[in-house]
Amino acid sequence: MQAIVDIAGDWEVARRLARMPHPYTISNAQFFIDVVVPSELVWSIVWRSSERVVGIIGLTPKEGSPPTAELGYYVAQTEWGKGIATEAGAQVVAFGTDLFGRQQLTSGYFVDNPASGRVLDKLGFKPVGTADRPCLTEGNFKPSIEMRLI
């Protein structure tokens, strides 16, 4: 649990996410484990060699007909640029495609986080519009690019 606090507690990580409170405390991590994990599809991203948690990735099911799921992820700042999000994302997208169907996977990223857009592009997501998404960390709405797996 401390690894999650350490990663999510980093301002540079948190400000790139819609639902991340800041500061991020052990109580937030406990809520995440007790409430979010059982209701969503969530995995830890772990270095194989050390079994060290370096991020979190998941699919948030959305109601509708047909149902969709939104891909979300974060990786420790010390691990950025190493292809971790892309590698983990490929596995989760394959799982999500089997579960929901290819056209039913969505994602998005804040425009001030183009690196996330590059990850999503590598995974096959394409822009389908723009929106203002809430950013809990910054306490405001930020422009985002909405994406769908094509």
C-alpha atoms as a PDB file:
ATOM      1  CA  MET A   1       0.000   0.000   0.000  1.00  0.00           C
ATOM      2  CA  GLN A   2       2.882   2.387   0.694  1.00  0.00           C
ATOM      3  CA  ALA A   3       4.020   2.082  -2.935  1.00  0.00           C
ATOM      4  CA  ILE A   4       0.627   3.355  -4.078  1.00  0.00           C
ATOM      5  CA  VAL A   5       0.846   6.294  -1.641  1.00  0.00           C
ATOM      6  CA  ASP A   6       4.351   7.125  -2.828  1.00  0.00           C
ATOM      7  CA  ILE A   7       3.435   7.050  -6.523  1.00  0.00           C
ATOM      8  CA  ALA A   8       0.007   8.687  -6.299  1.00  0.00           C
ATOM      9  CA  GLY A   9       1.292  11.243  -3.798  1.00  0.00           C
ATOM     10  CA  ASP A  10       3.679  12.699  -6.372  1.00  0.00           C
ATOM     11  CA  TRP A  11       2.163  15.989  -7.594  1.00  0.00           C
ATOM     12  CA  GLU A  12       3.476  15.413 -11.124  1.00  0.00           C
ATOM     13  CA  VAL A  13       1.643  12.075 -11.269  1.00  0.00           C
ATOM     14  CA  ALA A  14      -1.539  13.250  -9.539  1.00  0.00           C
ATOM     15  CA  ARG A  15      -2.071  16.388 -11.634  1.00  0.00           C
ATOM     16  CA  ARG A  16      -2.273  14.245 -14.763  1.00  0.00           C
ATOM     17  CA  LEU A  17      -5.238  12.252 -13.413  1.00  0.00           C
ATOM     18  CA  ALA A  18      -8.917  13.108 -13.066  1.00  0.00           C
ATOM     19  CA  ARG A  19      -9.794  11.260  -9.844  1.00  0.00           C
ATOM     20  CA  MET A  20      -6.618  11.547  -7.772  1.00  0.00           C
ATOM     21  CA  PRO A  21      -6.796  13.585  -4.559  1.00  0.00           C
ATOM     22  CA  HIS A  22      -3.723  15.467  -3.416  1.00  0.00           C
ATOM     23  CA  PRO A  23      -2.112  15.127  -1.014  1.00  0.00           C
ATOM     24  CA  TYR A  24      -2.621  11.373  -1.296  1.00  0.00           C
ATOM     25  CA  THR A  25      -2.638   9.646   2.080  1.00  0.00           C
ATOM     26  CA  ILE A  26      -2.692   6.116   3.431  1.00  0.00           C
ATOM     27  CA  SER A  27      -6.449   6.639   3.997  1.00  0.00           C
ATOM     28  CA  ASN A  28      -6.864   7.403   0.283  1.00  0.00           C
ATOM     29  CA  ALA A  29      -4.984   4.220  -0.583  1.00  0.00           C
ATOM     30  CA  GLN A  30      -7.164   2.219   1.816  1.00  0.00           C
ATOM     31  CA  PHE A  31     -10.306   3.674   0.176  1.00  0.00           C
ATOM     32  CA  PHE A  32      -8.872   2.765  -3.237  1.00  0.00           C
ATOM     33  CA  ILE A  33      -8.255  -0.833  -2.144  1.00  0.00           C
ATOM     34  CA  ASP A  34     -11.545  -1.228  -0.260  1.00  0.00           C
ATOM     35  CA  VAL A  35     -13.936   0.586  -2.623  1.00  0.00           C
ATOM     36  CA  VAL A  36     -12.450   1.177  -6.068  1.00  0.00           C
ATOM     37  CA  VAL A  37     -10.638  -2.124  -6.627  1.00  0.00           C
ATOM     38  CA  PRO A  38     -13.701  -4.323  -5.950  1.00  0.00           C
ATOM     39  CA  SER A  39     -15.906  -2.274  -8.311  1.00  0.00           C
ATOM     40  CA  GLU A  40     -13.470  -1.815 -11.216  1.00  0.00           C
ATOM     41  CA  LEU A  41     -10.914  -3.945 -13.055  1.00  0.00           C
ATOM     42  CA  VAL A  42      -7.607  -2.886 -11.492  1.00  0.00           C
ATOM     43  CA  TRP A  43      -4.069  -4.256 -11.660  1.00  0.00           C
ATOM     44  CA  SER A  44      -0.751  -3.250 -10.155  1.00  0.00           C
ATOM     45  CA  ILE A  45       2.056  -2.673 -12.630  1.00  0.00           C
ATOM     46  CA  VAL A  46       5.026  -4.553 -11.211  1.00  0.00           C
ATOM     47  CA  TRP A  47       8.671  -4.877 -12.268  1.00  0.00           C
ATOM     48  CA  ARG A  48       9.112  -8.594 -12.923  1.00  0.00           C
ATOM     49  CA  SER A  49      12.655  -8.763 -11.577  1.00  0.00           C
ATOM     50  CA  SER A  50      11.997  -7.091  -8.230  1.00  0.00           C
ATOM     51  CA  GLU A  51       8.218  -7.404  -7.799  1.00  0.00           C
ATOM     52  CA  ARG A  52       8.236  -3.659  -7.016  1.00  0.00           C
ATOM     53  CA  VAL A  53       4.963  -1.835  -7.738  1.00  0.00           C
ATOM     54  CA  VAL A  54       5.625   0.978 -10.247  1.00  0.00           C
ATOM     55  CA  GLY A  55       2.074   1.875 -11.229  1.00  0.00           C
ATOM     56  CA  ILE A  56      -1.604   1.064 -11.436  1.00  0.00           C
ATOM     57  CA  ILE A  57      -3.733   0.332 -14.503  1.00  0.00           C
ATOM     58  CA  GLY A  58      -7.383  -0.481 -14.896  1.00  0.00           C
ATOM     59  CA  LEU A  59     -10.650  -0.434 -16.751  1.00  0.00           C
ATOM     60  CA  THR A  60     -13.580   1.478 -15.310  1.00  0.00           C
ATOM     61  CA  PRO A  61     -16.855  -0.031 -16.559  1.00  0.00           C
ATOM     62  CA  LYS A  62     -19.403   2.534 -17.743  1.00  0.00           C
ATOM     63  CA  GLU A  63     -23.118   1.821 -17.959  1.00  0.00           C
ATOM     64  CA  GLY A  64     -24.777   2.038 -21.307  1.00  0.00           C
ATOM     65  CA  SER A  65     -25.940  -0.035 -24.192  1.00  0.00           C
ATOM     66  CA  PRO A  66     -23.612  -1.544 -25.021  1.00  0.00           C
ATOM     67  CA  PRO A  67     -21.496  -1.127 -21.887  1.00  0.00           C
ATOM     68  CA  THR A  68     -18.084   0.473 -22.303  1.00  0.00           C
ATOM     69  CA  ALA A  69     -14.938   0.659 -20.196  1.00  0.00           C
ATOM     70  CA  GLU A  70     -12.429   3.459 -19.785  1.00  0.00           C
ATOM     71  CA  LEU A  71      -8.719   2.682 -19.618  1.00  0.00           C
ATOM     72  CA  GLY A  72      -6.773   4.589 -16.980  1.00  0.00           C
ATOM     73  CA  TYR A  73      -3.266   4.235 -15.632  1.00  0.00           C
ATOM     74  CA  TYR A  74      -0.444   5.922 -13.792  1.00  0.00           C
ATOM     75  CA  VAL A  75       3.240   5.116 -13.435  1.00  0.00           C
ATOM     76  CA  ALA A  76       5.841   6.362 -10.965  1.00  0.00           C
ATOM     77  CA  GLN A  77       7.624   9.436 -12.301  1.00  0.00           C
ATOM     78  CA  THR A  78      10.982   7.666 -11.892  1.00  0.00           C
ATOM     79  CA  GLU A  79       9.793   5.094 -14.448  1.00  0.00           C
ATOM     80  CA  TRP A  80       8.454   7.451 -17.128  1.00  0.00           C
ATOM     81  CA  GLY A  81       9.757   6.957 -20.657  1.00  0.00           C
ATOM     82  CA  LYS A  82      10.545   3.257 -20.221  1.00  0.00           C
ATOM     83  CA  GLY A  83       7.522   1.867 -22.080  1.00  0.00           C
ATOM     84  CA  ILE A  84       5.885   0.541 -18.929  1.00  0.00           C
ATOM     85  CA  ALA A  85       2.469   2.097 -19.565  1.00  0.00           C
ATOM     86  CA  THR A  86       2.484   0.865 -23.156  1.00  0.00           C
ATOM     87  CA  GLU A  87       3.428  -2.682 -22.183  1.00  0.00           C
ATOM     88  CA  ALA A  88       0.887  -2.894 -19.369  1.00  0.00           C
ATOM     89  CA  GLY A  89      -1.709  -1.137 -21.516  1.00  0.00           C
ATOM     90  CA  ALA A  90      -1.354  -3.680 -24.301  1.00  0.00           C
ATOM     91  CA  GLN A  91      -2.195  -6.490 -21.874  1.00  0.00           C
ATOM     92  CA  VAL A  92      -5.174  -4.678 -20.360  1.00  0.00           C
ATOM     93  CA  VAL A  93      -6.497  -3.596 -23.773  1.00  0.00           C
ATOM     94  CA  ALA A  94      -6.352  -7.212 -24.970  1.00  0.00           C
ATOM     95  CA  PHE A  95      -8.272  -8.301 -21.863  1.00  0.00           C
ATOM     96  CA  GLY A  96     -10.773  -5.455 -22.226  1.00  0.00           C
ATOM     97  CA  THR A  97     -11.318  -6.167 -25.907  1.00  0.00           C
ATOM     98  CA  ASP A  98     -12.249  -9.751 -25.071  1.00  0.00           C
ATOM     99  CA  LEU A  99     -14.577  -8.587 -22.309  1.00  0.00           C
ATOM    100  CA  PHE A 100     -16.220  -5.483 -23.810  1.00  0.00           C
ATOM    101  CA  GLY A 101     -15.392  -5.506 -27.527  1.00  0.00           C
ATOM    102  CA  ARG A 102     -12.890  -3.362 -29.369  1.00  0.00           C
ATOM    103  CA  GLN A 103     -15.182  -0.399 -30.069  1.00  0.00           C
ATOM    104  CA  GLN A 104     -16.258  -0.234 -26.430  1.00  0.00           C
ATOM    105  CA  LEU A 105     -12.896   0.785 -24.930  1.00  0.00           C
ATOM    106  CA  THR A 106     -12.344   4.479 -24.317  1.00  0.00           C
ATOM    107  CA  SER A 107      -9.734   6.647 -22.650  1.00  0.00           C
ATOM    108  CA  GLY A 108      -8.625  10.237 -22.526  1.00  0.00           C
ATOM    109  CA  TYR A 109      -5.805  12.488 -21.453  1.00  0.00           C
ATOM    110  CA  PHE A 110      -5.351  16.078 -20.388  1.00  0.00           C
ATOM    111  CA  VAL A 111      -3.900  18.196 -23.184  1.00  0.00           C
ATOM    112  CA  ASP A 112      -0.963  19.135 -20.943  1.00  0.00           C
ATOM    113  CA  ASN A 113       0.020  15.436 -20.842  1.00  0.00           C
ATOM    114  CA  PRO A 114       0.894  14.582 -24.466  1.00  0.00           C
ATOM    115  CA  ALA A 115       3.027  11.603 -23.355  1.00  0.00           C
ATOM    116  CA  SER A 116      -0.171   9.834 -22.314  1.00  0.00           C
ATOM    117  CA  GLY A 117      -1.625  10.594 -25.748  1.00  0.00           C
ATOM    118  CA  ARG A 118       1.382   8.884 -27.355  1.00  0.00           C
ATOM    119  CA  VAL A 119       0.856   5.801 -25.171  1.00  0.00           C
ATOM    120  CA  LEU A 120      -2.818   5.636 -26.128  1.00  0.00           C
ATOM    121  CA  ASP A 121      -1.967   6.087 -29.814  1.00  0.00           C
ATOM    122  CA  LYS A 122       0.478   3.147 -29.631  1.00  0.00           C
ATOM    123  CA  LEU A 123      -2.325   1.061 -28.095  1.00  0.00           C
ATOM    124  CA  GLY A 124      -4.639   1.835 -31.030  1.00  0.00           C
ATOM    125  CA  PHE A 125      -6.767   4.603 -29.487  1.00  0.00           C
ATOM    126  CA  LYS A 126      -7.723   7.503 -31.745  1.00  0.00           C
ATOM    127  CA  PRO A 127      -9.094  10.944 -30.853  1.00  0.00           C
ATOM    128  CA  VAL A 128     -12.867  11.256 -31.107  1.00  0.00           C
ATOM    129  CA  GLY A 129     -13.412  14.634 -29.479  1.00  0.00           C
ATOM    130  CA  THR A 130     -12.515  17.016 -26.698  1.00  0.00           C
ATOM    131  CA  ALA A 131     -13.975  17.693 -23.275  1.00  0.00           C
ATOM    132  CA  ASP A 132     -13.314  19.484 -20.032  1.00  0.00           C
ATOM    133  CA  ARG A 133     -12.605  16.811 -17.442  1.00  0.00           C
ATOM    134  CA  PRO A 134     -12.404  17.434 -13.715  1.00  0.00           C
ATOM    135  CA  CYS A 135      -8.964  17.285 -12.131  1.00  0.00           C
ATOM    136  CA  LEU A 136      -9.425  16.602  -8.429  1.00  0.00           C
ATOM    137  CA  THR A 137      -5.769  17.384  -7.684  1.00  0.00           C
ATOM    138  CA  GLU A 138      -5.898  20.862  -9.208  1.00  0.00           C
ATOM    139  CA  GLY A 139      -9.511  21.472  -8.172  1.00  0.00           C
ATOM    140  CA  ASN A 140     -10.667  22.554 -11.615  1.00  0.00           C
ATOM    141  CA  PHE A 141     -11.645  21.349 -15.072  1.00  0.00           C
ATOM    142  CA  LYS A 142      -8.958  20.825 -17.668  1.00  0.00           C
ATOM    143  CA  PRO A 143      -9.196  20.370 -21.431  1.00  0.00           C
ATOM    144  CA  SER A 144      -8.809  16.766 -22.489  1.00  0.00           C
ATOM    145  CA  ILE A 145      -8.676  14.687 -25.626  1.00  0.00           C
ATOM    146  CA  GLU A 146     -11.275  11.909 -25.649  1.00  0.00           C
ATOM    147  CA  MET A 147     -10.212   8.675 -27.331  1.00  0.00           C
ATOM    148  CA  ARG A 148     -11.699   5.386 -28.471  1.00  0.00           C
ATOM    149  CA  LEU A 149     -10.039   2.155 -29.490  1.00  0.00           C
ATOM    150  CA  ILE A 150     -10.402   1.940 -33.262  1.00  0.00           C
END
